[in-house]
């Protein structure tokens, strides 16, 4: 049975090992999806992911949401501890 791995750069959480976490698909709502893509920021040093378009298999784990879970009030991931580590200055 396949599991999910978080698609946030530097996050290696997966649904088999980290059973307490939740994994969320990218929203279909255009504005929310744009915010998620902006925050997840998969463009790295090489910029090879600058045109990243998530599929139904791409997930973001609950560690990136304030309070540890997506909710009606918390709809956009904002916690990215490794942000800027590999980005160009």
PDB file of N, CA and C in Angstrom:
ATOM      1  N   UNK A   1       0.842  -1.173   0.000  1.00  0.00           N
ATOM      2  CA  UNK A   1       0.000   0.000   0.000  1.00  0.00           C
ATOM      3  C   UNK A   1       0.894   1.245   0.000  1.00  0.00           C
ATOM      4  N   UNK A   2       0.775   2.087  -0.979  1.00  0.00           N
ATOM      5  CA  UNK A   2       1.628   3.270  -1.039  1.00  0.00           C
ATOM      6  C   UNK A   2       1.239   4.282   0.027  1.00  0.00           C
ATOM      7  N   UNK A   3       2.235   5.034   0.449  1.00  0.00           N
ATOM      8  CA  UNK A   3       1.989   6.084   1.437  1.00  0.00           C
ATOM      9  C   UNK A   3       2.272   7.437   0.825  1.00  0.00           C
ATOM     10  N   UNK A   4       2.296   8.436   1.667  1.00  0.00           N
ATOM     11  CA  UNK A   4       2.553   9.794   1.215  1.00  0.00           C
ATOM     12  C   UNK A   4       3.799  10.337   1.881  1.00  0.00           C
ATOM     13  N   UNK A   5       4.542  11.140   1.133  1.00  0.00           N
ATOM     14  CA  UNK A   5       5.684  11.868   1.663  1.00  0.00           C
ATOM     15  C   UNK A   5       5.406  13.344   1.454  1.00  0.00           C
ATOM     16  N   UNK A   6       5.756  14.148   2.440  1.00  0.00           N
ATOM     17  CA  UNK A   6       5.530  15.591   2.350  1.00  0.00           C
ATOM     18  C   UNK A   6       6.371  16.160   1.211  1.00  0.00           C
ATOM     19  N   UNK A   7       5.786  17.031   0.400  1.00  0.00           N
ATOM     20  CA  UNK A   7       6.490  17.587  -0.760  1.00  0.00           C
ATOM     21  C   UNK A   7       7.223  18.889  -0.444  1.00  0.00           C
ATOM     22  N   UNK A   8       7.200  19.337   0.805  1.00  0.00           N
ATOM     23  CA  UNK A   8       7.913  20.555   1.196  1.00  0.00           C
ATOM     24  C   UNK A   8       9.414  20.274   1.188  1.00  0.00           C
ATOM     25  N   UNK A   9      10.207  21.128   0.548  1.00  0.00           N
ATOM     26  CA  UNK A   9      11.654  20.912   0.508  1.00  0.00           C
ATOM     27  C   UNK A   9      12.244  20.797   1.913  1.00  0.00           C
ATOM     28  N   UNK A  10      13.025  19.744   2.129  1.00  0.00           N
ATOM     29  CA  UNK A  10      13.673  19.522   3.414  1.00  0.00           C
ATOM     30  C   UNK A  10      12.834  18.775   4.427  1.00  0.00           C
ATOM     31  N   UNK A  11      11.577  18.499   4.134  1.00  0.00           N
ATOM     32  CA  UNK A  11      10.700  17.749   5.038  1.00  0.00           C
ATOM     33  C   UNK A  11      10.596  16.317   4.518  1.00  0.00           C
ATOM     34  N   UNK A  12      10.892  15.363   5.376  1.00  0.00           N
ATOM     35  CA  UNK A  12      10.895  13.960   4.955  1.00  0.00           C
ATOM     36  C   UNK A  12       9.851  13.130   5.699  1.00  0.00           C
ATOM     37  N   UNK A  13       8.829  13.786   6.217  1.00  0.00           N
ATOM     38  CA  UNK A  13       7.763  13.055   6.902  1.00  0.00           C
ATOM     39  C   UNK A  13       7.012  12.195   5.902  1.00  0.00           C
ATOM     40  N   UNK A  14       6.658  10.983   6.354  1.00  0.00           N
ATOM     41  CA  UNK A  14       5.847  10.126   5.492  1.00  0.00           C
ATOM     42  C   UNK A  14       4.777   9.424   6.307  1.00  0.00           C
ATOM     43  N   UNK A  15       3.729   9.034   5.629  1.00  0.00           N
ATOM     44  CA  UNK A  15       2.546   8.505   6.300  1.00  0.00           C
ATOM     45  C   UNK A  15       2.756   7.114   6.908  1.00  0.00           C
ATOM     46  N   UNK A  16       3.761   6.368   6.464  1.00  0.00           N
ATOM     47  CA  UNK A  16       4.021   5.052   7.056  1.00  0.00           C
ATOM     48  C   UNK A  16       4.739   5.198   8.386  1.00  0.00           C
ATOM     49  N   UNK A  17       5.724   6.059   8.441  1.00  0.00           N
ATOM     50  CA  UNK A  17       6.541   6.220   9.646  1.00  0.00           C
ATOM     51  C   UNK A  17       5.883   7.160  10.659  1.00  0.00           C
ATOM     52  N   UNK A  18       5.264   8.225  10.172  1.00  0.00           N
ATOM     53  CA  UNK A  18       4.710   9.266  11.041  1.00  0.00           C
ATOM     54  C   UNK A  18       3.184   9.162  11.068  1.00  0.00           C
ATOM     55  N   UNK A  19       2.692   8.180  11.779  1.00  0.00           N
ATOM     56  CA  UNK A  19       1.255   7.867  11.769  1.00  0.00           C
ATOM     57  C   UNK A  19       0.387   8.955  12.411  1.00  0.00           C
ATOM     58  N   UNK A  20       0.958   9.786  13.277  1.00  0.00           N
ATOM     59  CA  UNK A  20       0.171  10.827  13.956  1.00  0.00           C
ATOM     60  C   UNK A  20      -0.054  12.054  13.074  1.00  0.00           C
ATOM     61  N   UNK A  21       0.676  12.148  11.972  1.00  0.00           N
ATOM     62  CA  UNK A  21       0.547  13.307  11.091  1.00  0.00           C
ATOM     63  C   UNK A  21      -0.579  13.120  10.083  1.00  0.00           C
ATOM     64  N   UNK A  22      -1.091  14.236   9.603  1.00  0.00           N
ATOM     65  CA  UNK A  22      -2.071  14.227   8.519  1.00  0.00           C
ATOM     66  C   UNK A  22      -1.379  14.776   7.277  1.00  0.00           C
ATOM     67  N   UNK A  23      -1.815  14.331   6.112  1.00  0.00           N
ATOM     68  CA  UNK A  23      -1.235  14.779   4.848  1.00  0.00           C
ATOM     69  C   UNK A  23      -2.351  15.334   3.973  1.00  0.00           C
ATOM     70  N   UNK A  24      -2.143  16.577   3.504  1.00  0.00           N
ATOM     71  CA  UNK A  24      -3.192  17.294   2.789  1.00  0.00           C
ATOM     72  C   UNK A  24      -2.818  17.522   1.334  1.00  0.00           C
ATOM     73  N   UNK A  25      -3.798  17.350   0.448  1.00  0.00           N
ATOM     74  CA  UNK A  25      -3.597  17.641  -0.966  1.00  0.00           C
ATOM     75  C   UNK A  25      -3.701  19.142  -1.190  1.00  0.00           C
ATOM     76  N   UNK A  26      -3.162  19.609  -2.287  1.00  0.00           N
ATOM     77  CA  UNK A  26      -3.257  21.022  -2.636  1.00  0.00           C
ATOM     78  C   UNK A  26      -4.716  21.343  -2.958  1.00  0.00           C
ATOM     79  N   UNK A  27      -5.204  22.495  -2.502  1.00  0.00           N
ATOM     80  CA  UNK A  27      -6.617  22.836  -2.730  1.00  0.00           C
ATOM     81  C   UNK A  27      -6.935  23.095  -4.199  1.00  0.00           C
ATOM     82  N   UNK A  28      -8.178  22.902  -4.563  1.00  0.00           N
ATOM     83  CA  UNK A  28      -8.622  23.176  -5.930  1.00  0.00           C
ATOM     84  C   UNK A  28      -8.963  24.650  -6.136  1.00  0.00           C
ATOM     85  N   UNK A  29      -9.340  25.336  -5.055  1.00  0.00           N
ATOM     86  CA  UNK A  29      -9.632  26.766  -5.130  1.00  0.00           C
ATOM     87  C   UNK A  29      -8.385  27.506  -5.611  1.00  0.00           C
ATOM     88  N   UNK A  30      -8.524  28.291  -6.669  1.00  0.00           N
ATOM     89  CA  UNK A  30      -7.371  28.924  -7.324  1.00  0.00           C
ATOM     90  C   UNK A  30      -6.567  29.830  -6.395  1.00  0.00           C
ATOM     91  N   UNK A  31      -7.218  30.632  -5.586  1.00  0.00           N
ATOM     92  CA  UNK A  31      -6.503  31.552  -4.700  1.00  0.00           C
ATOM     93  C   UNK A  31      -5.772  30.808  -3.585  1.00  0.00           C
ATOM     94  N   UNK A  32      -6.440  29.835  -2.975  1.00  0.00           N
ATOM     95  CA  UNK A  32      -5.779  29.035  -1.938  1.00  0.00           C
ATOM     96  C   UNK A  32      -4.602  28.254  -2.518  1.00  0.00           C
ATOM     97  N   UNK A  33      -4.788  27.698  -3.692  1.00  0.00           N
ATOM     98  CA  UNK A  33      -3.712  26.938  -4.356  1.00  0.00           C
ATOM     99  C   UNK A  33      -2.512  27.836  -4.630  1.00  0.00           C
ATOM    100  N   UNK A  34      -2.764  29.065  -5.074  1.00  0.00           N
ATOM    101  CA  UNK A  34      -1.675  30.014  -5.331  1.00  0.00           C
ATOM    102  C   UNK A  34      -0.907  30.308  -4.040  1.00  0.00           C
ATOM    103  N   UNK A  35      -1.622  30.496  -2.933  1.00  0.00           N
ATOM    104  CA  UNK A  35      -0.972  30.756  -1.649  1.00  0.00           C
ATOM    105  C   UNK A  35      -0.143  29.561  -1.188  1.00  0.00           C
ATOM    106  N   UNK A  36      -0.676  28.367  -1.352  1.00  0.00           N
ATOM    107  CA  UNK A  36       0.066  27.160  -0.979  1.00  0.00           C
ATOM    108  C   UNK A  36       1.343  27.055  -1.799  1.00  0.00           C
ATOM    109  N   UNK A  37       1.229  27.241  -3.114  1.00  0.00           N
ATOM    110  CA  UNK A  37       2.405  27.143  -3.992  1.00  0.00           C
ATOM    111  C   UNK A  37       3.450  28.188  -3.632  1.00  0.00           C
ATOM    112  N   UNK A  38       3.005  29.391  -3.321  1.00  0.00           N
ATOM    113  CA  UNK A  38       3.925  30.459  -2.932  1.00  0.00           C
ATOM    114  C   UNK A  38       4.635  30.098  -1.631  1.00  0.00           C
ATOM    115  N   UNK A  39       3.887  29.592  -0.658  1.00  0.00           N
ATOM    116  CA  UNK A  39       4.473  29.263   0.639  1.00  0.00           C
ATOM    117  C   UNK A  39       5.361  28.028   0.598  1.00  0.00           C
ATOM    118  N   UNK A  40       4.955  27.016  -0.133  1.00  0.00           N
ATOM    119  CA  UNK A  40       5.759  25.792  -0.207  1.00  0.00           C
ATOM    120  C   UNK A  40       7.087  26.060  -0.915  1.00  0.00           C
ATOM    121  N   UNK A  41       7.080  26.907  -1.919  1.00  0.00           N
ATOM    122  CA  UNK A  41       8.293  27.405  -2.573  1.00  0.00           C
ATOM    123  C   UNK A  41       9.292  26.298  -2.901  1.00  0.00           C
ATOM    124  N   UNK A  42       9.004  25.516  -3.899  1.00  0.00           N
ATOM    125  CA  UNK A  42       9.896  24.422  -4.276  1.00  0.00           C
ATOM    126  C   UNK A  42      11.040  24.853  -5.174  1.00  0.00           C
ATOM    127  N   UNK A  43      11.143  26.118  -5.508  1.00  0.00           N
ATOM    128  CA  UNK A  43      12.268  26.585  -6.325  1.00  0.00           C
ATOM    129  C   UNK A  43      13.526  26.560  -5.465  1.00  0.00           C
ATOM    130  N   UNK A  44      14.474  25.740  -5.819  1.00  0.00           N
ATOM    131  CA  UNK A  44      15.699  25.601  -5.042  1.00  0.00           C
ATOM    132  C   UNK A  44      16.854  26.352  -5.670  1.00  0.00           C
ATOM    133  N   UNK A  45      18.048  25.922  -5.336  1.00  0.00           N
ATOM    134  CA  UNK A  45      19.259  26.571  -5.821  1.00  0.00           C
ATOM    135  C   UNK A  45      19.304  26.571  -7.342  1.00  0.00           C
ATOM    136  N   UNK A  46      18.976  25.444  -7.945  1.00  0.00           N
ATOM    137  CA  UNK A  46      19.051  25.348  -9.397  1.00  0.00           C
ATOM    138  C   UNK A  46      17.828  25.950 -10.084  1.00  0.00           C
ATOM    139  N   UNK A  47      16.767  26.138  -9.338  1.00  0.00           N
ATOM    140  CA  UNK A  47      15.544  26.669  -9.915  1.00  0.00           C
ATOM    141  C   UNK A  47      14.795  25.656 -10.761  1.00  0.00           C
ATOM    142  N   UNK A  48      15.188  24.390 -10.672  1.00  0.00           N
ATOM    143  CA  UNK A  48      14.569  23.368 -11.518  1.00  0.00           C
ATOM    144  C   UNK A  48      13.114  23.104 -11.135  1.00  0.00           C
ATOM    145  N   UNK A  49      12.698  23.516  -9.947  1.00  0.00           N
ATOM    146  CA  UNK A  49      11.317  23.310  -9.539  1.00  0.00           C
ATOM    147  C   UNK A  49      10.508  24.598  -9.604  1.00  0.00           C
ATOM    148  N   UNK A  50      11.038  25.605 -10.280  1.00  0.00           N
ATOM    149  CA  UNK A  50      10.355  26.896 -10.321  1.00  0.00           C
ATOM    150  C   UNK A  50       9.016  26.817 -11.055  1.00  0.00           C
ATOM    151  N   UNK A  51       8.811  25.774 -11.838  1.00  0.00           N
ATOM    152  CA  UNK A  51       7.540  25.592 -12.544  1.00  0.00           C
ATOM    153  C   UNK A  51       6.752  24.427 -11.950  1.00  0.00           C
ATOM    154  N   UNK A  52       6.957  24.154 -10.677  1.00  0.00           N
ATOM    155  CA  UNK A  52       6.303  23.051  -9.974  1.00  0.00           C
ATOM    156  C   UNK A  52       4.783  23.172 -10.042  1.00  0.00           C
ATOM    157  N   UNK A  53       4.140  22.133 -10.517  1.00  0.00           N
ATOM    158  CA  UNK A  53       2.680  22.039 -10.546  1.00  0.00           C
ATOM    159  C   UNK A  53       2.296  20.753  -9.818  1.00  0.00           C
ATOM    160  N   UNK A  54       1.710  20.855  -8.637  1.00  0.00           N
ATOM    161  CA  UNK A  54       1.395  19.660  -7.866  1.00  0.00           C
ATOM    162  C   UNK A  54       0.319  18.801  -8.516  1.00  0.00           C
ATOM    163  N   UNK A  55       0.451  17.506  -8.318  1.00  0.00           N
ATOM    164  CA  UNK A  55      -0.555  16.548  -8.781  1.00  0.00           C
ATOM    165  C   UNK A  55      -1.341  16.066  -7.570  1.00  0.00           C
ATOM    166  N   UNK A  56      -2.253  15.137  -7.771  1.00  0.00           N
ATOM    167  CA  UNK A  56      -3.031  14.605  -6.651  1.00  0.00           C
ATOM    168  C   UNK A  56      -2.155  13.809  -5.694  1.00  0.00           C
ATOM    169  N   UNK A  57      -0.970  13.404  -6.132  1.00  0.00           N
ATOM    170  CA  UNK A  57      -0.056  12.653  -5.273  1.00  0.00           C
ATOM    171  C   UNK A  57       0.799  13.522  -4.374  1.00  0.00           C
ATOM    172  N   UNK A  58       0.880  14.808  -4.625  1.00  0.00           N
ATOM    173  CA  UNK A  58       1.684  15.703  -3.792  1.00  0.00           C
ATOM    174  C   UNK A  58       0.901  16.089  -2.547  1.00  0.00           C
ATOM    175  N   UNK A  59       1.545  15.956  -1.394  1.00  0.00           N
ATOM    176  CA  UNK A  59       0.893  16.263  -0.122  1.00  0.00           C
ATOM    177  C   UNK A  59       1.782  17.162   0.729  1.00  0.00           C
ATOM    178  N   UNK A  60       1.147  17.900   1.622  1.00  0.00           N
ATOM    179  CA  UNK A  60       1.845  18.720   2.613  1.00  0.00           C
ATOM    180  C   UNK A  60       1.421  18.181   3.972  1.00  0.00           C
ATOM    181  N   UNK A  61       2.393  17.910   4.842  1.00  0.00           N
ATOM    182  CA  UNK A  61       2.058  17.318   6.136  1.00  0.00           C
ATOM    183  C   UNK A  61       1.577  18.375   7.125  1.00  0.00           C
ATOM    184  N   UNK A  62       0.939  17.905   8.175  1.00  0.00           N
ATOM    185  CA  UNK A  62       0.325  18.797   9.157  1.00  0.00           C
ATOM    186  C   UNK A  62       1.335  19.600   9.968  1.00  0.00           C
ATOM    187  N   UNK A  63       2.613  19.247   9.939  1.00  0.00           N
ATOM    188  CA  UNK A  63       3.627  20.010  10.670  1.00  0.00           C
ATOM    189  C   UNK A  63       3.802  21.420  10.117  1.00  0.00           C
ATOM    190  N   UNK A  64       3.313  21.684   8.920  1.00  0.00           N
ATOM    191  CA  UNK A  64       3.476  22.997   8.297  1.00  0.00           C
ATOM    192  C   UNK A  64       2.290  23.927   8.549  1.00  0.00           C
ATOM    193  N   UNK A  65       1.345  23.473   9.378  1.00  0.00           N
ATOM    194  CA  UNK A  65       0.173  24.276   9.713  1.00  0.00           C
ATOM    195  C   UNK A  65       0.225  24.671  11.187  1.00  0.00           C
ATOM    196  N   UNK A  66      -0.067  25.934  11.502  1.00  0.00           N
ATOM    197  CA  UNK A  66      -0.124  26.341  12.908  1.00  0.00           C
ATOM    198  C   UNK A  66      -1.138  25.471  13.656  1.00  0.00           C
ATOM    199  N   UNK A  67      -0.758  24.999  14.821  1.00  0.00           N
ATOM    200  CA  UNK A  67      -1.633  24.118  15.589  1.00  0.00           C
ATOM    201  C   UNK A  67      -1.517  22.664  15.167  1.00  0.00           C
ATOM    202  N   UNK A  68      -0.699  22.384  14.151  1.00  0.00           N
ATOM    203  CA  UNK A  68      -0.468  21.007  13.722  1.00  0.00           C
ATOM    204  C   UNK A  68      -1.586  20.375  12.922  1.00  0.00           C
ATOM    205  N   UNK A  69      -2.481  21.189  12.397  1.00  0.00           N
ATOM    206  CA  UNK A  69      -3.585  20.623  11.615  1.00  0.00           C
ATOM    207  C   UNK A  69      -4.254  21.696  10.769  1.00  0.00           C
ATOM    208  N   UNK A  70      -4.656  21.325   9.570  1.00  0.00           N
ATOM    209  CA  UNK A  70      -5.431  22.228   8.717  1.00  0.00           C
ATOM    210  C   UNK A  70      -6.853  22.280   9.260  1.00  0.00           C
ATOM    211  N   UNK A  71      -7.434  23.473   9.277  1.00  0.00           N
ATOM    212  CA  UNK A  71      -8.807  23.613   9.763  1.00  0.00           C
ATOM    213  C   UNK A  71      -9.513  24.692   8.949  1.00  0.00           C
ATOM    214  N   UNK A  72     -10.725  24.982   9.328  1.00  0.00           N
ATOM    215  CA  UNK A  72     -11.486  26.017   8.630  1.00  0.00           C
ATOM    216  C   UNK A  72     -10.798  27.369   8.759  1.00  0.00           C
ATOM    217  N   UNK A  73     -10.205  27.650   9.922  1.00  0.00           N
ATOM    218  CA  UNK A  73      -9.527  28.922  10.157  1.00  0.00           C
ATOM    219  C   UNK A  73      -8.074  28.912   9.690  1.00  0.00           C
ATOM    220  N   UNK A  74      -7.433  27.759   9.745  1.00  0.00           N
ATOM    221  CA  UNK A  74      -6.031  27.620   9.326  1.00  0.00           C
ATOM    222  C   UNK A  74      -6.029  26.822   8.035  1.00  0.00           C
ATOM    223  N   UNK A  75      -5.993  27.538   6.908  1.00  0.00           N
ATOM    224  CA  UNK A  75      -6.140  26.863   5.619  1.00  0.00           C
ATOM    225  C   UNK A  75      -4.889  26.892   4.762  1.00  0.00           C
ATOM    226  N   UNK A  76      -3.846  27.619   5.201  1.00  0.00           N
ATOM    227  CA  UNK A  76      -2.631  27.762   4.402  1.00  0.00           C
ATOM    228  C   UNK A  76      -1.420  27.361   5.248  1.00  0.00           C
ATOM    229  N   UNK A  77      -0.531  26.501   4.732  1.00  0.00           N
ATOM    230  CA  UNK A  77       0.668  26.138   5.486  1.00  0.00           C
ATOM    231  C   UNK A  77       1.617  27.330   5.597  1.00  0.00           C
ATOM    232  N   UNK A  78       2.115  27.584   6.806  1.00  0.00           N
ATOM    233  CA  UNK A  78       2.989  28.735   7.019  1.00  0.00           C
ATOM    234  C   UNK A  78       4.251  28.408   7.803  1.00  0.00           C
ATOM    235  N   UNK A  79       4.424  27.181   8.246  1.00  0.00           N
ATOM    236  CA  UNK A  79       5.589  26.825   9.060  1.00  0.00           C
ATOM    237  C   UNK A  79       6.584  26.055   8.199  1.00  0.00           C
ATOM    238  N   UNK A  80       7.734  26.695   7.948  1.00  0.00           N
ATOM    239  CA  UNK A  80       8.763  26.111   7.091  1.00  0.00           C
ATOM    240  C   UNK A  80      10.129  26.355   7.736  1.00  0.00           C
ATOM    241  N   UNK A  81      10.562  25.492   8.656  1.00  0.00           N
ATOM    242  CA  UNK A  81      11.798  25.724   9.403  1.00  0.00           C
ATOM    243  C   UNK A  81      13.065  25.781   8.551  1.00  0.00           C
ATOM    244  N   UNK A  82      13.074  25.142   7.399  1.00  0.00           N
ATOM    245  CA  UNK A  82      14.288  25.131   6.573  1.00  0.00           C
ATOM    246  C   UNK A  82      14.255  26.173   5.459  1.00  0.00           C
ATOM    247  N   UNK A  83      13.279  27.053   5.459  1.00  0.00           N
ATOM    248  CA  UNK A  83      13.157  28.069   4.408  1.00  0.00           C
ATOM    249  C   UNK A  83      14.436  28.888   4.329  1.00  0.00           C
ATOM    250  N   UNK A  84      14.943  29.043   3.131  1.00  0.00           N
ATOM    251  CA  UNK A  84      16.116  29.877   2.905  1.00  0.00           C
ATOM    252  C   UNK A  84      17.439  29.161   2.999  1.00  0.00           C
ATOM    253  N   UNK A  85      17.457  27.922   3.468  1.00  0.00           N
ATOM    254  CA  UNK A  85      18.717  27.202   3.642  1.00  0.00           C
ATOM    255  C   UNK A  85      19.414  26.991   2.303  1.00  0.00           C
ATOM    256  N   UNK A  86      18.669  26.585   1.279  1.00  0.00           N
ATOM    257  CA  UNK A  86      19.274  26.288  -0.029  1.00  0.00           C
ATOM    258  C   UNK A  86      18.918  27.291  -1.116  1.00  0.00           C
ATOM    259  N   UNK A  87      18.301  28.399  -0.747  1.00  0.00           N
ATOM    260  CA  UNK A  87      17.891  29.369  -1.752  1.00  0.00           C
ATOM    261  C   UNK A  87      19.024  30.326  -2.065  1.00  0.00           C
ATOM    262  N   UNK A  88      19.043  30.802  -3.295  1.00  0.00           N
ATOM    263  CA  UNK A  88      20.052  31.781  -3.695  1.00  0.00           C
ATOM    264  C   UNK A  88      19.822  33.097  -2.998  1.00  0.00           C
ATOM    265  N   UNK A  89      20.900  33.795  -2.718  1.00  0.00           N
ATOM    266  CA  UNK A  89      20.807  35.125  -2.087  1.00  0.00           C
ATOM    267  C   UNK A  89      20.679  36.171  -3.163  1.00  0.00           C
TER     268      UNK A  89
END
